[in-house]
Protein backbone atom coordinates (compact mmCIF):
# COMPACT_ATOMS: atom_id res chain seq x y z
CA MET A 1 -111.24 119.69 16.26
CA PHE A 2 -107.47 120.19 15.70
CA GLU A 3 -108.02 123.73 14.36
CA ASN A 4 -105.13 125.27 16.31
CA LEU A 5 -102.81 122.33 15.64
CA THR A 6 -103.62 122.40 11.92
CA ASP A 7 -102.79 126.11 11.70
CA ARG A 8 -99.42 125.67 13.41
CA LEU A 9 -98.38 122.57 11.48
CA THR A 10 -99.50 124.00 8.14
CA SER A 11 -97.47 127.21 8.59
CA THR A 12 -94.39 125.22 9.68
CA ILE A 13 -94.57 122.82 6.73
CA ASN A 14 -95.24 125.63 4.24
CA ARG A 15 -92.00 127.32 5.29
CA LEU A 16 -90.11 124.09 4.58
CA ARG A 17 -91.81 123.61 1.23
CA GLY A 18 -90.25 126.82 0.00
CA GLN A 19 -86.73 125.43 0.43
CA GLY A 20 -85.05 123.41 -2.32
CA ARG A 21 -83.09 121.25 0.09
CA LEU A 22 -83.49 120.52 3.79
CA SER A 23 -80.60 120.34 6.23
CA GLU A 24 -80.46 118.82 9.69
CA SER A 25 -80.52 122.31 11.19
CA ASN A 26 -83.75 123.50 9.54
CA ILE A 27 -85.40 120.12 10.16
CA GLN A 28 -84.55 120.49 13.85
CA GLU A 29 -86.05 123.99 13.80
CA ALA A 30 -89.23 122.63 12.20
CA LEU A 31 -89.43 119.85 14.78
CA ARG A 32 -89.21 122.42 17.58
CA GLU A 33 -92.22 124.14 16.02
CA VAL A 34 -94.08 120.83 15.74
CA ARG A 35 -93.23 120.04 19.38
CA MET A 36 -94.63 123.40 20.55
CA ALA A 37 -97.74 122.88 18.41
CA LEU A 38 -98.40 119.48 20.01
CA LEU A 39 -97.85 120.78 23.54
CA GLU A 40 -100.20 123.71 22.89
CA ALA A 41 -102.76 121.15 21.67
CA ASP A 42 -102.50 119.59 25.17
CA VAL A 43 -100.93 116.37 23.96
CA ALA A 44 -99.29 114.51 26.87
CA LEU A 45 -95.55 115.25 27.15
CA PRO A 46 -94.39 111.59 26.95
CA VAL A 47 -96.43 111.20 23.77
CA VAL A 48 -94.90 114.35 22.28
CA LYS A 49 -91.37 113.13 23.05
CA ILE A 50 -91.96 109.76 21.37
CA PHE A 51 -93.61 111.37 18.34
CA ILE A 52 -90.87 113.97 17.78
CA GLU A 53 -88.12 111.37 18.14
CA GLN A 54 -89.80 109.07 15.59
CA VAL A 55 -90.19 111.93 13.10
CA ARG A 56 -86.62 113.15 13.73
CA GLN A 57 -85.09 109.73 13.07
CA ARG A 58 -86.84 109.49 9.72
CA ALA A 59 -86.50 113.15 8.77
CA VAL A 60 -82.72 113.44 9.16
CA GLY A 61 -82.20 110.28 7.13
CA GLN A 62 -81.88 109.89 3.39
CA GLU A 63 -85.67 109.75 2.98
CA VAL A 64 -85.97 113.55 3.27
CA LEU A 65 -82.50 114.97 2.71
CA GLN A 66 -82.17 113.41 -0.76
CA SER A 67 -85.78 113.93 -1.81
CA LEU A 68 -86.59 116.15 -4.79
CA SER A 69 -89.50 117.56 -2.77
CA PRO A 70 -88.20 117.56 0.81
CA GLY A 71 -91.14 119.57 2.17
CA GLN A 72 -93.60 117.02 0.80
CA ALA A 73 -91.44 114.16 2.07
CA LEU A 74 -91.57 115.64 5.57
CA VAL A 75 -95.36 116.01 5.33
CA LYS A 76 -95.59 112.31 4.49
CA ILE A 77 -93.42 111.39 7.49
CA VAL A 78 -95.49 113.53 9.89
CA ASN A 79 -98.67 112.06 8.38
CA ASP A 80 -97.38 108.47 8.77
CA GLU A 81 -96.32 109.07 12.37
CA LEU A 82 -99.67 110.69 13.27
CA ILE A 83 -101.42 107.59 11.92
CA SER A 84 -99.05 105.36 13.88
CA LEU A 85 -99.69 107.40 17.04
CA MET A 86 -103.49 107.12 16.78
CA GLY A 87 -103.64 103.55 15.44
CA GLU A 88 -103.00 102.15 12.00
CA ALA A 89 -106.64 101.51 11.04
CA CYS A 90 -110.23 102.04 12.10
CA ASP A 91 -111.05 99.60 14.91
CA GLU A 92 -114.58 98.39 14.33
CA LEU A 93 -116.77 97.09 17.12
CA ASN A 94 -116.31 93.37 17.57
CA LEU A 95 -119.85 92.02 17.81
CA ASN A 96 -119.01 88.49 16.67
CA ALA A 97 -120.64 86.73 19.59
CA GLN A 98 -123.67 84.60 20.34
CA PRO A 99 -126.55 87.14 20.44
CA PRO A 100 -127.10 89.26 22.27
CA ALA A 101 -123.70 90.96 22.00
CA VAL A 102 -123.32 93.18 25.07
CA VAL A 103 -121.66 96.63 24.91
CA LEU A 104 -120.83 98.20 28.30
CA MET A 105 -120.48 102.00 28.54
CA ALA A 106 -118.19 103.41 31.24
CA GLY A 107 -116.95 106.88 32.14
CA LEU A 108 -117.12 109.85 34.47
CA GLN A 109 -120.25 111.90 35.05
CA GLY A 110 -120.86 114.50 32.37
CA SER A 111 -118.75 112.77 29.73
CA GLY A 112 -121.78 112.04 27.54
CA LYS A 113 -122.36 108.33 28.20
CA THR A 114 -126.15 108.37 27.91
CA THR A 115 -126.15 110.41 24.70
CA SER A 116 -123.37 108.21 23.30
CA THR A 117 -125.43 105.13 24.16
CA ALA A 118 -128.28 106.45 22.01
CA LYS A 119 -125.90 107.50 19.21
CA LEU A 120 -124.29 104.06 19.18
CA ALA A 121 -127.71 102.38 19.13
CA ARG A 122 -128.67 104.45 16.11
CA TRP A 123 -125.35 103.71 14.38
CA LEU A 124 -125.74 99.94 14.90
CA ARG A 125 -129.34 100.00 13.73
CA GLU A 126 -128.76 102.13 10.62
CA ARG A 127 -125.32 100.97 9.50
CA HIS A 128 -125.38 97.32 10.55
CA ARG A 129 -129.13 96.62 10.64
CA LYS A 130 -128.89 95.37 14.24
CA SER A 131 -131.82 95.18 16.62
CA VAL A 132 -130.72 97.08 19.73
CA LEU A 133 -131.88 97.11 23.36
CA VAL A 134 -130.65 99.91 25.63
CA VAL A 135 -130.77 99.83 29.42
CA SER A 136 -129.76 102.32 32.12
CA CYS A 137 -128.02 101.10 35.27
CA ASP A 138 -127.64 104.66 36.53
CA ILE A 139 -129.84 104.64 39.62
CA TYR A 140 -128.12 107.71 41.12
CA ARG A 141 -128.45 110.61 38.67
CA PRO A 142 -131.96 112.10 38.67
CA ALA A 143 -133.79 111.53 35.36
CA ALA A 144 -130.94 109.43 33.90
CA ILE A 145 -133.32 106.53 33.17
CA ASP A 146 -135.96 108.88 31.72
CA GLN A 147 -133.35 110.55 29.52
CA LEU A 148 -132.28 107.23 28.00
CA GLN A 149 -135.91 106.21 27.47
CA THR A 150 -136.56 109.45 25.54
CA LEU A 151 -133.43 109.02 23.44
CA ALA A 152 -134.27 105.36 22.75
CA GLY A 153 -137.57 106.47 21.24
CA GLU A 154 -135.75 109.01 19.09
CA VAL A 155 -133.31 106.45 17.64
CA ASP A 156 -135.91 103.66 17.37
CA ALA A 157 -134.12 101.34 19.81
CA GLU A 158 -135.91 99.13 22.32
CA PHE A 159 -135.74 100.38 25.91
CA PHE A 160 -135.53 98.07 28.94
CA PRO A 161 -137.19 99.74 31.95
CA SER A 162 -135.36 100.05 35.25
CA GLY A 163 -135.98 101.77 38.58
CA ARG A 164 -133.89 103.72 41.10
CA ASP A 165 -134.72 101.16 43.81
CA GLN A 166 -133.09 98.29 41.87
CA ASP A 167 -129.57 96.88 41.99
CA PRO A 168 -127.53 97.91 38.88
CA VAL A 169 -126.15 94.38 38.44
CA ALA A 170 -129.67 92.90 38.55
CA ILE A 171 -130.87 95.48 36.00
CA ALA A 172 -128.09 94.63 33.54
CA THR A 173 -128.57 90.87 33.94
CA ALA A 174 -132.34 91.13 33.45
CA ALA A 175 -131.85 93.23 30.29
CA VAL A 176 -129.50 90.66 28.75
CA ASP A 177 -131.93 87.84 29.62
CA TYR A 178 -134.77 89.79 28.00
CA ALA A 179 -132.72 90.37 24.83
CA ARG A 180 -131.81 86.68 24.64
CA LYS A 181 -135.44 85.56 24.97
CA HIS A 182 -136.62 88.08 22.37
CA HIS A 183 -133.78 87.34 19.91
CA LEU A 184 -132.30 90.84 19.91
CA ASP A 185 -128.83 91.32 18.42
CA THR A 186 -127.24 93.84 20.79
CA VAL A 187 -127.61 95.20 24.33
CA ILE A 188 -125.99 98.53 25.26
CA VAL A 189 -125.63 98.97 29.02
CA ASP A 190 -125.37 102.58 30.21
CA THR A 191 -123.69 102.69 33.64
CA ALA A 192 -123.51 105.37 36.31
CA GLY A 193 -120.82 108.01 36.24
CA ARG A 194 -119.20 109.83 39.13
CA LEU A 195 -117.61 113.24 39.52
CA HIS A 196 -114.34 111.47 40.29
CA ILE A 197 -112.88 107.99 40.29
CA ASP A 198 -113.70 106.13 43.51
CA ALA A 199 -113.51 102.57 44.77
CA GLU A 200 -117.29 102.19 45.12
CA MET A 201 -117.93 103.11 41.49
CA MET A 202 -115.17 100.84 40.20
CA ASN A 203 -116.43 97.93 42.27
CA GLU A 204 -119.99 98.39 40.97
CA ILE A 205 -118.96 98.51 37.30
CA ARG A 206 -116.63 95.52 37.78
CA ARG A 207 -119.59 93.54 39.13
CA ILE A 208 -121.75 94.56 36.16
CA HIS A 209 -118.93 93.58 33.79
CA ALA A 210 -118.56 90.17 35.42
CA ALA A 211 -122.31 89.56 35.31
CA VAL A 212 -122.98 90.42 31.64
CA GLU A 213 -119.56 89.55 30.09
CA PRO A 214 -119.58 92.29 27.42
CA VAL A 215 -117.86 91.80 24.07
CA GLU A 216 -117.05 95.54 24.08
CA THR A 217 -116.31 97.76 27.08
CA LEU A 218 -116.16 101.35 25.85
CA PHE A 219 -114.80 104.26 27.87
CA VAL A 220 -116.66 107.48 27.11
CA VAL A 221 -114.56 110.59 27.71
CA ASP A 222 -114.87 114.33 27.05
CA SER A 223 -112.24 115.43 24.51
CA MET A 224 -112.16 118.93 25.97
CA THR A 225 -110.37 117.62 29.07
CA GLY A 226 -107.28 117.16 26.86
CA GLN A 227 -104.52 114.89 28.12
CA ASP A 228 -106.51 114.34 31.34
CA ALA A 229 -108.87 112.28 29.18
CA ALA A 230 -106.03 109.88 28.40
CA ASN A 231 -104.95 109.70 32.05
CA THR A 232 -108.52 108.97 33.22
CA ALA A 233 -108.88 106.30 30.55
CA GLN A 234 -105.68 104.70 31.81
CA VAL A 235 -107.03 104.54 35.39
CA PHE A 236 -110.25 102.93 34.15
CA ASN A 237 -108.28 100.51 32.01
CA GLU A 238 -106.35 99.33 35.05
CA ALA A 239 -109.62 98.51 36.83
CA LEU A 240 -111.65 97.31 33.85
CA PRO A 241 -110.62 95.56 30.60
CA LEU A 242 -111.49 98.37 28.17
CA SER A 243 -111.74 97.50 24.49
CA GLY A 244 -111.94 101.04 23.14
CA VAL A 245 -112.78 104.70 23.64
CA ILE A 246 -115.56 107.04 22.49
CA LEU A 247 -114.25 110.61 22.40
CA THR A 248 -117.14 113.06 22.87
CA LYS A 249 -117.65 116.81 22.30
CA THR A 250 -114.96 116.92 19.62
CA ASP A 251 -116.90 119.64 17.79
CA GLY A 252 -116.12 122.02 20.66
CA ASP A 253 -112.44 121.07 20.98
CA ALA A 254 -110.00 123.08 18.83
CA ARG A 255 -106.92 121.39 20.33
CA GLY A 256 -107.27 117.62 19.87
CA GLY A 257 -104.79 116.59 22.59
CA ALA A 258 -106.98 113.76 23.82
CA ALA A 259 -107.22 112.11 20.39
CA LEU A 260 -103.45 112.18 20.01
CA SER A 261 -102.68 110.95 23.54
CA ILE A 262 -105.19 108.19 24.31
CA ARG A 263 -103.84 105.37 22.13
CA SER A 264 -100.24 105.90 23.21
CA ILE A 265 -101.03 106.12 26.95
CA THR A 266 -103.68 103.40 27.24
CA GLY A 267 -102.91 101.16 24.28
CA LYS A 268 -106.65 101.20 23.55
CA PRO A 269 -108.07 102.44 20.24
CA ILE A 270 -110.45 105.34 19.81
CA LYS A 271 -113.45 103.74 18.11
CA PHE A 272 -115.82 106.67 17.71
CA LEU A 273 -115.92 110.47 17.77
CA GLY A 274 -118.94 112.37 19.07
CA VAL A 275 -119.16 115.36 16.72
CA GLY A 276 -122.30 117.12 17.95
CA GLU A 277 -125.38 116.92 20.15
CA LYS A 278 -127.72 115.18 17.69
CA THR A 279 -128.08 111.39 17.80
CA THR A 280 -126.72 111.25 14.24
CA ALA A 281 -123.48 112.95 15.31
CA LEU A 282 -121.27 109.88 15.75
CA GLU A 283 -118.36 109.03 13.43
CA PRO A 284 -116.11 105.96 13.35
CA PHE A 285 -112.53 107.00 14.12
CA HIS A 286 -110.25 106.61 11.09
CA PRO A 287 -106.65 107.52 12.09
CA ASP A 288 -105.55 108.09 8.48
CA ARG A 289 -108.43 110.45 7.77
CA VAL A 290 -107.92 112.34 11.04
CA ALA A 291 -104.20 112.72 10.26
CA SER A 292 -105.16 114.14 6.86
CA ARG A 293 -107.45 116.68 8.55
CA ILE A 294 -104.75 117.68 11.02
CA LEU A 295 -102.35 118.44 8.15
CA GLY A 296 -104.99 120.53 6.34
CA MET A 297 -105.50 118.00 3.56
CA GLY A 298 -109.18 117.44 4.30
CA ASP A 299 -111.11 114.19 4.47
CA VAL A 300 -112.82 113.75 1.13
CA LEU A 301 -113.46 110.03 1.68
CA SER A 302 -115.58 110.68 4.79
CA LEU A 303 -117.35 113.49 2.94
CA VAL A 304 -118.24 111.16 0.05
CA GLU A 305 -119.43 108.43 2.44
CA GLU A 306 -121.57 110.95 4.31
CA ALA A 307 -123.08 112.23 1.07
CA GLU A 308 -123.86 108.66 0.01
CA ARG A 309 -125.79 108.08 3.24
CA LYS A 310 -127.49 111.42 3.75
CA VAL A 311 -128.15 113.02 0.37
CA ASP A 312 -131.66 112.28 -0.90
CA LYS A 313 -130.84 110.73 -4.27
CA ASP A 314 -134.44 110.96 -5.53
CA LYS A 315 -134.57 114.70 -4.84
CA ALA A 316 -131.17 115.19 -6.47
CA ALA A 317 -132.26 113.27 -9.58
CA LYS A 318 -135.49 115.30 -9.82
CA LEU A 319 -133.55 118.57 -9.55
CA ILE A 320 -131.11 117.54 -12.30
CA LYS A 321 -134.01 116.46 -14.53
CA LYS A 322 -135.79 119.75 -13.84
CA LEU A 323 -132.73 121.84 -14.75
CA HIS A 324 -132.09 119.85 -17.92
CA LYS A 325 -135.66 120.59 -19.01
CA GLY A 326 -134.82 124.29 -18.75
CA LYS A 327 -136.99 124.94 -15.69
CA ARG A 328 -135.79 127.51 -13.18
CA PHE A 329 -134.21 126.67 -9.83
CA ASP A 330 -136.65 128.04 -7.22
CA LEU A 331 -136.70 128.67 -3.48
CA GLU A 332 -138.25 125.26 -2.82
CA ASP A 333 -135.16 123.68 -4.44
CA PHE A 334 -132.90 126.06 -2.49
CA HIS A 335 -134.63 124.96 0.74
CA ASP A 336 -133.98 121.29 -0.10
CA GLN A 337 -130.28 121.98 -0.75
CA LEU A 338 -129.91 123.82 2.57
CA GLU A 339 -131.67 121.01 4.45
CA GLN A 340 -129.40 118.38 2.93
CA MET A 341 -126.33 120.44 3.77
CA MET A 342 -127.48 120.74 7.39
CA GLY A 343 -128.06 116.98 7.43
CA MET A 344 -124.39 116.52 6.58
CA GLY A 345 -123.29 118.60 9.58
CA GLY A 346 -123.60 122.10 8.14
CA LEU A 347 -121.05 124.31 6.41
CA SER A 348 -118.46 124.11 9.20
CA SER A 349 -118.42 120.30 9.03
CA LEU A 350 -118.16 120.32 5.23
CA MET A 351 -115.32 122.83 5.27
CA ASP A 352 -113.45 120.74 7.83
CA LYS A 353 -113.42 117.84 5.36
CA LEU A 354 -112.54 119.79 2.22
CA PRO A 355 -108.84 120.00 1.21
CA GLY A 356 -107.27 123.45 1.32
CA MET A 357 -109.71 124.99 3.79
CA GLY A 358 -106.83 125.61 6.18
CA GLN A 359 -105.40 128.04 3.61
CA LEU A 360 -108.44 130.32 3.76
CA PRO A 361 -107.90 133.60 5.63
CA ASP A 362 -109.26 133.74 9.17
CA HIS A 363 -111.78 136.48 8.27
CA VAL A 364 -113.24 134.21 5.56
CA ARG A 365 -113.46 131.15 7.82
CA SER A 366 -115.06 133.20 10.58
CA GLN A 367 -117.94 134.04 8.23
CA VAL A 368 -118.93 130.36 8.02
CA ASN A 369 -121.82 130.21 10.45
CA ASP A 370 -124.36 127.39 10.56
CA ARG A 371 -126.69 129.65 12.53
CA ASP A 372 -127.17 131.71 9.35
CA MET A 373 -128.31 128.55 7.56
CA HIS A 374 -130.97 127.99 10.23
CA HIS A 375 -132.14 131.58 9.70
CA MET A 376 -132.29 131.02 5.94
CA LEU A 377 -134.40 127.89 6.38
CA ALA A 378 -136.73 129.76 8.75
CA ILE A 379 -137.18 132.57 6.22
CA ILE A 380 -138.05 130.19 3.36
CA ARG A 381 -140.44 128.25 5.61
CA SER A 382 -142.28 131.52 6.34
CA MET A 383 -143.07 131.95 2.64
CA THR A 384 -146.17 130.70 0.88
CA LEU A 385 -145.81 127.95 -1.71
CA LYS A 386 -146.47 130.50 -4.45
CA GLU A 387 -143.69 132.74 -3.15
CA ARG A 388 -141.25 129.84 -3.12
CA HIS A 389 -142.05 128.97 -6.73
CA PHE A 390 -142.20 132.59 -7.95
CA PRO A 391 -139.69 134.62 -5.87
CA GLY A 392 -140.16 137.65 -8.14
CA ILE A 393 -143.45 138.47 -6.42
CA ILE A 394 -141.76 138.94 -3.03
CA LYS A 395 -141.87 142.75 -2.67
CA GLY A 396 -141.98 145.15 0.29
CA SER A 397 -145.09 144.05 2.22
CA ARG A 398 -144.38 140.35 1.61
CA ARG A 399 -140.80 140.77 2.80
CA ARG A 400 -141.98 142.43 6.01
CA ARG A 401 -144.48 139.61 6.62
CA ILE A 402 -141.84 136.92 5.97
CA ALA A 403 -139.35 138.63 8.31
CA ALA A 404 -141.95 138.82 11.10
CA GLY A 405 -142.97 135.21 10.58
CA SER A 406 -139.38 133.92 10.72
CA GLY A 407 -138.20 136.11 13.61
CA THR A 408 -135.64 137.86 11.38
CA ARG A 409 -135.18 141.33 9.88
CA VAL A 410 -136.19 142.55 6.44
CA GLN A 411 -132.45 142.96 5.72
CA ASP A 412 -132.03 139.20 6.34
CA VAL A 413 -134.81 138.41 3.87
CA ASN A 414 -133.17 140.73 1.31
CA LYS A 415 -129.81 139.01 1.87
CA LEU A 416 -131.31 135.54 1.39
CA LEU A 417 -133.04 136.58 -1.85
CA LYS A 418 -129.76 138.02 -3.14
CA GLN A 419 -127.91 134.78 -2.30
CA PHE A 420 -130.71 132.80 -3.93
CA MET A 421 -130.41 134.83 -7.14
CA GLN A 422 -126.67 134.05 -7.26
CA MET A 423 -127.40 130.36 -6.70
CA GLN A 424 -130.07 130.46 -9.41
CA LYS A 425 -127.57 131.90 -11.91
CA MET A 426 -125.05 129.16 -11.06
CA MET A 427 -127.67 126.47 -11.51
CA LYS A 428 -128.55 127.94 -14.90
CA LYS A 429 -124.89 127.76 -15.92
CA MET A 430 -124.70 124.18 -14.71
CA SER A 431 -127.71 123.17 -16.80
CA GLY A 432 -126.29 124.96 -19.82
CA GLY A 433 -122.57 124.37 -19.59
CA GLY A 434 -122.24 121.48 -17.16
CA MET A 435 -120.16 121.40 -13.97
CA LYS A 436 -117.32 123.46 -15.50
CA GLY A 437 -119.72 126.29 -16.16
CA MET A 438 -120.91 126.25 -12.58
CA MET A 439 -117.35 126.21 -11.21
CA ARG A 440 -116.40 129.18 -13.39
CA GLY A 441 -119.48 130.99 -12.12
CA MET A 442 -118.57 130.27 -8.49
CA LYS A 443 -114.90 131.15 -8.79
CA GLY A 444 -115.51 134.85 -9.27
CA ARG A 445 -117.37 135.05 -5.97
CA MET A 446 -114.98 132.94 -3.90
CA PRO A 447 -112.01 134.33 -1.93
CA GLN A 448 -108.57 133.99 -3.48
CA GLY A 449 -107.17 130.52 -2.77
CA PHE A 450 -110.56 128.78 -2.69
CA PRO A 451 -109.94 125.27 -4.13
CA PHE A 452 -111.77 125.45 -7.48
C-alpha cells in the first residue's frame, strides 16, 4: 500500500534536500507536488486541502526557513501531519466490559467481513489469550454461514451455529446468551452485507446492535475503493454508532487514499489493516508507523515485533549453534529460513518495512516475487533427506527428478542450487567473522544503494 504515493513524495522531498535554504516559493512548489500526489492516491479533496494548509502554515514559518537541514525539517512536518491526519496513536479494541464483550462487524457485501471476523478472532486468541465465539447473522448470502464455520475451525475459535430460516436478531441474541453461560470472553457477530446501502439493511443491523449492545462496532471496508470507502463509512456512521474501521485488501492497493481519508471524514479511527488473504494477515493500525512507510522510512518496529512473534527461536538457536560448531549450512536449514520468511509475509512485506527500499530502482524491486519463494520451497520439498543434507550429490538425473516432482524446470533447480551456494558462503562468513563478515559478503551482490 502507498507505493505510488511514496514514490512521488520521496522524489519531491529529495529535490528539497539538495537545497541549502528553502524559500516560500520552492516550498509552495513542493506543496503543489504533494497535493498532486495525494489526489492521485485518491485521497478525498477536502482532506487534501486541510492537509496541505496545515503543512503550509508550518513550512513557511521559522521552523523550516531557519533550519540547518530544511529538507529534513519539511520531512518531519509532513510526517507529523500524516500522523495527525490518520490519528495520533494506535486505537486498541476496547474490550473492558462484563464478559462476553460483543464485537459487531458491519459493511457492504464483498468488503471482507467474514474473513475479517476470522482474522480478528485469531488475533484476539493469540495476542490477548481471549476465548472467542463467532456467529454469522448473514442468512442471505449462500454459504456465508458455512464459510464462517470453516474459518472458525482454522483459527481455533468456537462457532455458534445458525440457519437461513432464523431471524438475524434472534441468532445474535442466542449467541451472546450461549457465550455468557459458557464463560467465553468475546463474541464476534458477522452481519449481512448488501451491494448498496439500503433502508432494510440499516434497520436490520440497528436492531442487532440494540439487541446485543456491542462494545465495538467495526466497519469493514475495501481499501481499493479509495475515497469512496471513507464516504461509505460516513453513511454507516450516521446510521450506526461505529467505534472503528477495518481496512481490508491493503496488500492490493498501491494508492492508500482510503487510509488517509477515513479518519478525517468520519472521525473514526482505523483499528486494523487486512494485509492478505490468510487468517494471520491482520495488523493493528499504527498511524506513526504508516506515516513512516509512506515517506519511505520503513517500519522497523513492526518488523521486529513480527519477528518476535513468528520466528521459531528454537530453530534459530540450533542453527547458530550448528554454525559455531563449524558444521555446514544445508538445504534443510535453507528450507527453514524460507519458511520463516514466508511466515512473516514474504519478501515483499519485509521490503515494505525496511528503510531505504523506496530508493531501490524499479527493475530491482520488480524482481522481488514471493511466487519464486513458493517454487523454491517446492523444489527443496521434492528432494530426499540425503539430498538436502548433501547437496553436492544432486547431479543431472537427480535434478531432472526434482524438477518433475516440484512442477518446475531443471533451470529452476539449477538457479536454486546456485542461490543456496551463495547463502552457504554467507553463513560460513557469519560463523567465522560474525555479522560484519556476512554483511560484507552480501554487499557485493546487492544493487547499489541497498541499505547495508
